[in-house]
Amino acid sequence: MNCKKIRLMIDDTIYKRAAGMEPAVVAHIKTCKNCAGYHDFWLHRMDFAPAKAPAGLTERVMERVFSEKMEPSAGFPLSHFLKYAVASVVTASVMLFIFARFYVAQTTIPVTFKISDENAVSIALAGDFNDWQSDKILLKRKGDVWEATVRLKPNRYQYMFVIDGERFVPDPEANMYADDGFGHKNSVIDISGA
């Protein structure tokens, strides 16, 4: 016999808790170390194998389960559950709001952009931080000075002022400039996180 058949016979003998094994199995175990080890392994675990339930146990248990009247528990009404659920949602929302405010405050830095132009009707700020959209960040006039404060993440940005929606002008106060690829120069600002 091959080892696969022997192991099936060992399983059958141990599972049925039979008193003895067939002589062919005993003879094979004496000559095959693998099957002998398999036999010993399972033989020592026989005490942990599940015992058979007494006849009729399942029926008796199910009969008793269905015979008892089921009533809702008075210990924890639904109103308590709803109260705690609402409190949990409110608490989580407040914590999320606080975390979001803290996170945004830690990852962006307020940067004020200023330009002086007494003749301008409107001035906007366009740069790679707003995809060069000249209608998104409008500066406010304070006398002859126009300014806007924008929260930016630490990085290097290029930008220009857009005067009256038509004329792109670099920041005269910028520390650096970069070629814009169209024969003009963009203002450059470096924002560090420190």
C-alpha atoms as a PDB file:
ATOM      1  CA  MET A   1       0.000   0.000   0.000  1.00  0.00           C
ATOM      2  CA  ASN A   2       1.108   3.547  -0.599  1.00  0.00           C
ATOM      3  CA  CYS A   3       1.477   6.193   2.107  1.00  0.00           C
ATOM      4  CA  LYS A   4      -1.606   8.130   1.002  1.00  0.00           C
ATOM      5  CA  LYS A   5      -3.885   5.114   1.563  1.00  0.00           C
ATOM      6  CA  ILE A   6      -2.162   4.299   4.857  1.00  0.00           C
ATOM      7  CA  ARG A   7      -2.725   7.847   6.140  1.00  0.00           C
ATOM      8  CA  LEU A   8      -6.415   7.648   5.219  1.00  0.00           C
ATOM      9  CA  MET A   9      -6.670   4.400   7.160  1.00  0.00           C
ATOM     10  CA  ILE A  10      -4.853   5.982  10.141  1.00  0.00           C
ATOM     11  CA  ASP A  11      -7.265   8.934  10.029  1.00  0.00           C
ATOM     12  CA  ASP A  12     -10.246   6.595   9.904  1.00  0.00           C
ATOM     13  CA  THR A  13      -8.969   4.504  12.825  1.00  0.00           C
ATOM     14  CA  ILE A  14      -8.183   7.518  15.035  1.00  0.00           C
ATOM     15  CA  TYR A  15     -11.406   9.395  14.187  1.00  0.00           C
ATOM     16  CA  LYS A  16     -13.581   6.377  14.981  1.00  0.00           C
ATOM     17  CA  ARG A  17     -11.468   5.708  18.095  1.00  0.00           C
ATOM     18  CA  ALA A  18     -11.112   2.123  17.000  1.00  0.00           C
ATOM     19  CA  ALA A  19      -9.319  -0.287  19.309  1.00  0.00           C
ATOM     20  CA  GLY A  20      -6.832  -1.526  16.756  1.00  0.00           C
ATOM     21  CA  MET A  21      -5.545  -1.031  13.249  1.00  0.00           C
ATOM     22  CA  GLU A  22      -5.417  -3.420  10.362  1.00  0.00           C
ATOM     23  CA  PRO A  23      -2.258  -5.548  10.246  1.00  0.00           C
ATOM     24  CA  ALA A  24      -1.229  -4.004   6.893  1.00  0.00           C
ATOM     25  CA  VAL A  25      -1.229  -0.517   8.464  1.00  0.00           C
ATOM     26  CA  VAL A  26       0.808  -1.716  11.463  1.00  0.00           C
ATOM     27  CA  ALA A  27       3.343  -3.392   9.147  1.00  0.00           C
ATOM     28  CA  HIS A  28       3.666  -0.227   7.011  1.00  0.00           C
ATOM     29  CA  ILE A  29       4.157   2.026  10.061  1.00  0.00           C
ATOM     30  CA  LYS A  30       7.065  -0.189  11.183  1.00  0.00           C
ATOM     31  CA  THR A  31       8.874   0.377   7.861  1.00  0.00           C
ATOM     32  CA  CYS A  32       7.906   4.004   6.985  1.00  0.00           C
ATOM     33  CA  LYS A  33       9.185   6.794   9.247  1.00  0.00           C
ATOM     34  CA  ASN A  34       6.850   9.403   7.697  1.00  0.00           C
ATOM     35  CA  CYS A  35       3.697   7.389   8.317  1.00  0.00           C
ATOM     36  CA  ALA A  36       4.923   6.389  11.797  1.00  0.00           C
ATOM     37  CA  GLY A  37       5.400  10.075  12.644  1.00  0.00           C
ATOM     38  CA  TYR A  38       1.964  10.898  11.224  1.00  0.00           C
ATOM     39  CA  HIS A  39       0.405   8.121  13.321  1.00  0.00           C
ATOM     40  CA  ASP A  40       2.168   9.214  16.512  1.00  0.00           C
ATOM     41  CA  PHE A  41       1.248  12.862  15.934  1.00  0.00           C
ATOM     42  CA  TRP A  42      -2.479  12.128  15.674  1.00  0.00           C
ATOM     43  CA  LEU A  43      -2.505   9.355  18.263  1.00  0.00           C
ATOM     44  CA  HIS A  44      -1.284  11.767  20.959  1.00  0.00           C
ATOM     45  CA  ARG A  45      -4.011  14.252  20.046  1.00  0.00           C
ATOM     46  CA  MET A  46      -6.862  11.769  20.384  1.00  0.00           C
ATOM     47  CA  ASP A  47      -7.681  13.181  23.804  1.00  0.00           C
ATOM     48  CA  PHE A  48      -8.397  16.561  22.195  1.00  0.00           C
ATOM     49  CA  ALA A  49     -10.560  15.205  19.392  1.00  0.00           C
ATOM     50  CA  PRO A  50     -14.214  16.182  19.636  1.00  0.00           C
ATOM     51  CA  ALA A  51     -16.448  13.657  21.338  1.00  0.00           C
ATOM     52  CA  LYS A  52     -19.677  12.577  19.722  1.00  0.00           C
ATOM     53  CA  ALA A  53     -22.783  14.261  21.115  1.00  0.00           C
ATOM     54  CA  PRO A  54     -25.346  12.026  22.777  1.00  0.00           C
ATOM     55  CA  ALA A  55     -28.209  10.931  20.559  1.00  0.00           C
ATOM     56  CA  GLY A  56     -31.050  13.464  20.413  1.00  0.00           C
ATOM     57  CA  LEU A  57     -29.057  16.343  21.947  1.00  0.00           C
ATOM     58  CA  THR A  58     -29.588  18.690  19.009  1.00  0.00           C
ATOM     59  CA  GLU A  59     -33.332  18.089  18.973  1.00  0.00           C
ATOM     60  CA  ARG A  60     -33.641  18.685  22.735  1.00  0.00           C
ATOM     61  CA  VAL A  61     -31.668  21.950  22.562  1.00  0.00           C
ATOM     62  CA  MET A  62     -33.660  23.287  19.602  1.00  0.00           C
ATOM     63  CA  GLU A  63     -36.959  22.314  21.245  1.00  0.00           C
ATOM     64  CA  ARG A  64     -36.009  24.253  24.357  1.00  0.00           C
ATOM     65  CA  VAL A  65     -34.860  27.294  22.354  1.00  0.00           C
ATOM     66  CA  PHE A  66     -38.150  27.531  20.489  1.00  0.00           C
ATOM     67  CA  SER A  67     -40.295  26.827  23.546  1.00  0.00           C
ATOM     68  CA  GLU A  68     -39.047  29.867  25.496  1.00  0.00           C
ATOM     69  CA  LYS A  69     -40.776  33.168  24.808  1.00  0.00           C
ATOM     70  CA  MET A  70     -38.378  35.807  23.479  1.00  0.00           C
ATOM     71  CA  GLU A  71     -38.865  39.307  24.862  1.00  0.00           C
ATOM     72  CA  PRO A  72     -36.805  42.417  24.123  1.00  0.00           C
ATOM     73  CA  SER A  73     -34.306  43.366  26.774  1.00  0.00           C
ATOM     74  CA  ALA A  74     -35.274  46.328  28.918  1.00  0.00           C
ATOM     75  CA  GLY A  75     -31.654  46.921  29.871  1.00  0.00           C
ATOM     76  CA  PHE A  76     -30.599  49.066  26.906  1.00  0.00           C
ATOM     77  CA  PRO A  77     -33.460  50.704  24.969  1.00  0.00           C
ATOM     78  CA  LEU A  78     -33.030  52.030  21.448  1.00  0.00           C
ATOM     79  CA  SER A  79     -33.205  55.637  22.664  1.00  0.00           C
ATOM     80  CA  HIS A  80     -29.948  55.134  24.604  1.00  0.00           C
ATOM     81  CA  PHE A  81     -28.288  53.756  21.490  1.00  0.00           C
ATOM     82  CA  LEU A  82     -29.394  56.748  19.416  1.00  0.00           C
ATOM     83  CA  LYS A  83     -28.208  59.150  22.111  1.00  0.00           C
ATOM     84  CA  TYR A  84     -24.751  57.584  22.164  1.00  0.00           C
ATOM     85  CA  ALA A  85     -24.608  57.341  18.367  1.00  0.00           C
ATOM     86  CA  VAL A  86     -25.391  61.050  17.962  1.00  0.00           C
ATOM     87  CA  ALA A  87     -22.885  61.984  20.675  1.00  0.00           C
ATOM     88  CA  SER A  88     -20.221  59.884  18.948  1.00  0.00           C
ATOM     89  CA  VAL A  89     -20.872  61.488  15.560  1.00  0.00           C
ATOM     90  CA  VAL A  90     -20.770  65.000  17.039  1.00  0.00           C
ATOM     91  CA  THR A  91     -17.541  64.249  18.919  1.00  0.00           C
ATOM     92  CA  ALA A  92     -15.915  62.779  15.812  1.00  0.00           C
ATOM     93  CA  SER A  93     -16.998  65.795  13.732  1.00  0.00           C
ATOM     94  CA  VAL A  94     -15.555  68.282  16.231  1.00  0.00           C
ATOM     95  CA  MET A  95     -12.283  66.354  16.410  1.00  0.00           C
ATOM     96  CA  LEU A  96     -12.073  66.200  12.604  1.00  0.00           C
ATOM     97  CA  PHE A  97     -12.701  69.954  12.353  1.00  0.00           C
ATOM     98  CA  ILE A  98     -10.003  70.734  14.932  1.00  0.00           C
ATOM     99  CA  PHE A  99      -7.534  68.356  13.279  1.00  0.00           C
ATOM    100  CA  ALA A 100      -8.245  69.810   9.823  1.00  0.00           C
ATOM    101  CA  ARG A 101      -7.721  73.366  11.065  1.00  0.00           C
ATOM    102  CA  PHE A 102      -4.500  72.390  12.824  1.00  0.00           C
ATOM    103  CA  TYR A 103      -3.247  70.407   9.818  1.00  0.00           C
ATOM    104  CA  VAL A 104      -3.965  73.218   7.350  1.00  0.00           C
ATOM    105  CA  ALA A 105      -2.399  75.740   9.712  1.00  0.00           C
ATOM    106  CA  GLN A 106       0.742  73.611   9.958  1.00  0.00           C
ATOM    107  CA  THR A 107       1.118  72.913   6.250  1.00  0.00           C
ATOM    108  CA  THR A 108       0.414  76.337   4.722  1.00  0.00           C
ATOM    109  CA  ILE A 109       1.968  79.719   5.339  1.00  0.00           C
ATOM    110  CA  PRO A 110       0.261  83.092   4.821  1.00  0.00           C
ATOM    111  CA  VAL A 111       2.074  85.129   2.156  1.00  0.00           C
ATOM    112  CA  THR A 112       1.139  88.744   1.417  1.00  0.00           C
ATOM    113  CA  PHE A 113       1.616  90.028  -2.127  1.00  0.00           C
ATOM    114  CA  LYS A 114       1.703  93.826  -2.622  1.00  0.00           C
ATOM    115  CA  ILE A 115       2.061  96.174  -5.568  1.00  0.00           C
ATOM    116  CA  SER A 116       1.678  99.926  -5.861  1.00  0.00           C
ATOM    117  CA  ASP A 117      -0.342 101.292  -8.813  1.00  0.00           C
ATOM    118  CA  GLU A 118      -2.507 104.375  -8.397  1.00  0.00           C
ATOM    119  CA  ASN A 119      -4.048 104.151 -11.887  1.00  0.00           C
ATOM    120  CA  ALA A 120      -5.192 100.509 -11.809  1.00  0.00           C
ATOM    121  CA  VAL A 121      -8.888  99.644 -11.672  1.00  0.00           C
ATOM    122  CA  SER A 122      -8.262  96.020 -10.657  1.00  0.00           C
ATOM    123  CA  ILE A 123      -5.238  93.869  -9.911  1.00  0.00           C
ATOM    124  CA  ALA A 124      -5.196  90.088  -9.678  1.00  0.00           C
ATOM    125  CA  LEU A 125      -2.517  87.570  -8.799  1.00  0.00           C
ATOM    126  CA  ALA A 126      -1.724  84.705 -11.165  1.00  0.00           C
ATOM    127  CA  GLY A 127       0.904  82.048 -10.597  1.00  0.00           C
ATOM    128  CA  ASP A 128       1.651  78.379 -10.680  1.00  0.00           C
ATOM    129  CA  PHE A 129      -0.021  78.074  -7.235  1.00  0.00           C
ATOM    130  CA  ASN A 130      -3.424  78.843  -8.880  1.00  0.00           C
ATOM    131  CA  ASP A 131      -2.742  77.470 -12.391  1.00  0.00           C
ATOM    132  CA  TRP A 132      -2.193  80.996 -13.701  1.00  0.00           C
ATOM    133  CA  GLN A 133      -5.878  81.855 -13.406  1.00  0.00           C
ATOM    134  CA  SER A 134      -6.111  85.633 -13.313  1.00  0.00           C
ATOM    135  CA  ASP A 135      -9.642  85.735 -11.893  1.00  0.00           C
ATOM    136  CA  LYS A 136      -9.138  83.673  -8.719  1.00  0.00           C
ATOM    137  CA  ILE A 137      -7.051  85.913  -6.426  1.00  0.00           C
ATOM    138  CA  LEU A 138      -8.036  89.580  -6.514  1.00  0.00           C
ATOM    139  CA  LEU A 139      -5.978  92.158  -4.631  1.00  0.00           C
ATOM    140  CA  LYS A 140      -7.692  94.788  -2.471  1.00  0.00           C
ATOM    141  CA  ARG A 141      -6.815  98.434  -2.750  1.00  0.00           C
ATOM    142  CA  LYS A 142      -5.516 100.295   0.307  1.00  0.00           C
ATOM    143  CA  GLY A 143      -4.693 103.775  -0.929  1.00  0.00           C
ATOM    144  CA  ASP A 144      -2.185 103.371  -3.770  1.00  0.00           C
ATOM    145  CA  VAL A 145      -1.164  99.886  -2.611  1.00  0.00           C
ATOM    146  CA  TRP A 146      -2.940  96.709  -3.681  1.00  0.00           C
ATOM    147  CA  GLU A 147      -2.531  93.554  -1.592  1.00  0.00           C
ATOM    148  CA  ALA A 148      -3.747  90.007  -1.059  1.00  0.00           C
ATOM    149  CA  THR A 149      -2.742  87.369   1.461  1.00  0.00           C
ATOM    150  CA  VAL A 150      -2.640  83.784   0.216  1.00  0.00           C
ATOM    151  CA  ARG A 151      -1.920  80.584   2.185  1.00  0.00           C
ATOM    152  CA  LEU A 152       0.712  78.543   0.345  1.00  0.00           C
ATOM    153  CA  LYS A 153       2.543  75.326   1.054  1.00  0.00           C
ATOM    154  CA  PRO A 154       6.327  75.540   1.331  1.00  0.00           C
ATOM    155  CA  ASN A 155       7.728  75.494  -2.222  1.00  0.00           C
ATOM    156  CA  ARG A 156       9.153  77.712  -4.967  1.00  0.00           C
ATOM    157  CA  TYR A 157       6.488  79.545  -6.967  1.00  0.00           C
ATOM    158  CA  GLN A 158       6.427  81.788 -10.043  1.00  0.00           C
ATOM    159  CA  TYR A 159       3.809  84.530 -10.261  1.00  0.00           C
ATOM    160  CA  MET A 160       2.811  87.838 -11.868  1.00  0.00           C
ATOM    161  CA  PHE A 161       0.324  90.607 -11.195  1.00  0.00           C
ATOM    162  CA  VAL A 162      -2.479  91.074 -13.755  1.00  0.00           C
ATOM    163  CA  ILE A 163      -3.444  94.723 -14.010  1.00  0.00           C
ATOM    164  CA  ASP A 164      -6.944  95.537 -15.284  1.00  0.00           C
ATOM    165  CA  GLY A 165      -7.306  91.971 -16.598  1.00  0.00           C
ATOM    166  CA  GLU A 166      -4.882  92.558 -19.480  1.00  0.00           C
ATOM    167  CA  ARG A 167      -1.368  93.482 -18.499  1.00  0.00           C
ATOM    168  CA  PHE A 168       0.908  90.917 -16.804  1.00  0.00           C
ATOM    169  CA  VAL A 169       3.521  92.637 -14.632  1.00  0.00           C
ATOM    170  CA  PRO A 170       6.278  91.038 -12.518  1.00  0.00           C
ATOM    171  CA  ASP A 171       6.512  91.991  -8.850  1.00  0.00           C
ATOM    172  CA  PRO A 172       8.969  94.914  -8.617  1.00  0.00           C
ATOM    173  CA  GLU A 173       9.780  93.855  -5.025  1.00  0.00           C
ATOM    174  CA  ALA A 174      10.599  90.209  -5.856  1.00  0.00           C
ATOM    175  CA  ASN A 175      14.029  88.880  -4.876  1.00  0.00           C
ATOM    176  CA  MET A 176      14.257  86.579  -7.912  1.00  0.00           C
ATOM    177  CA  TYR A 177      12.937  86.356 -11.456  1.00  0.00           C
ATOM    178  CA  ALA A 178      12.679  83.547 -13.999  1.00  0.00           C
ATOM    179  CA  ASP A 179      12.256  83.556 -17.769  1.00  0.00           C
ATOM    180  CA  ASP A 180       8.622  82.802 -18.635  1.00  0.00           C
ATOM    181  CA  GLY A 181       9.401  81.310 -22.049  1.00  0.00           C
ATOM    182  CA  PHE A 182       7.641  84.161 -23.876  1.00  0.00           C
ATOM    183  CA  GLY A 183      10.366  86.779 -23.636  1.00  0.00           C
ATOM    184  CA  HIS A 184       9.226  88.149 -20.286  1.00  0.00           C
ATOM    185  CA  LYS A 185      10.113  87.388 -16.686  1.00  0.00           C
ATOM    186  CA  ASN A 186       8.065  85.914 -13.856  1.00  0.00           C
ATOM    187  CA  SER A 187       8.554  86.842 -10.231  1.00  0.00           C
ATOM    188  CA  VAL A 188       9.822  83.972  -8.062  1.00  0.00           C
ATOM    189  CA  ILE A 189       9.139  83.423  -4.377  1.00  0.00           C
ATOM    190  CA  ASP A 190      10.636  80.724  -2.159  1.00  0.00           C
ATOM    191  CA  ILE A 191       8.488  79.737   0.808  1.00  0.00           C
ATOM    192  CA  SER A 192      10.159  77.661   3.479  1.00  0.00           C
ATOM    193  CA  GLY A 193       8.316  75.652   6.113  1.00  0.00           C
ATOM    194  CA  ALA A 194      10.532  76.882   8.957  1.00  0.00           C
END
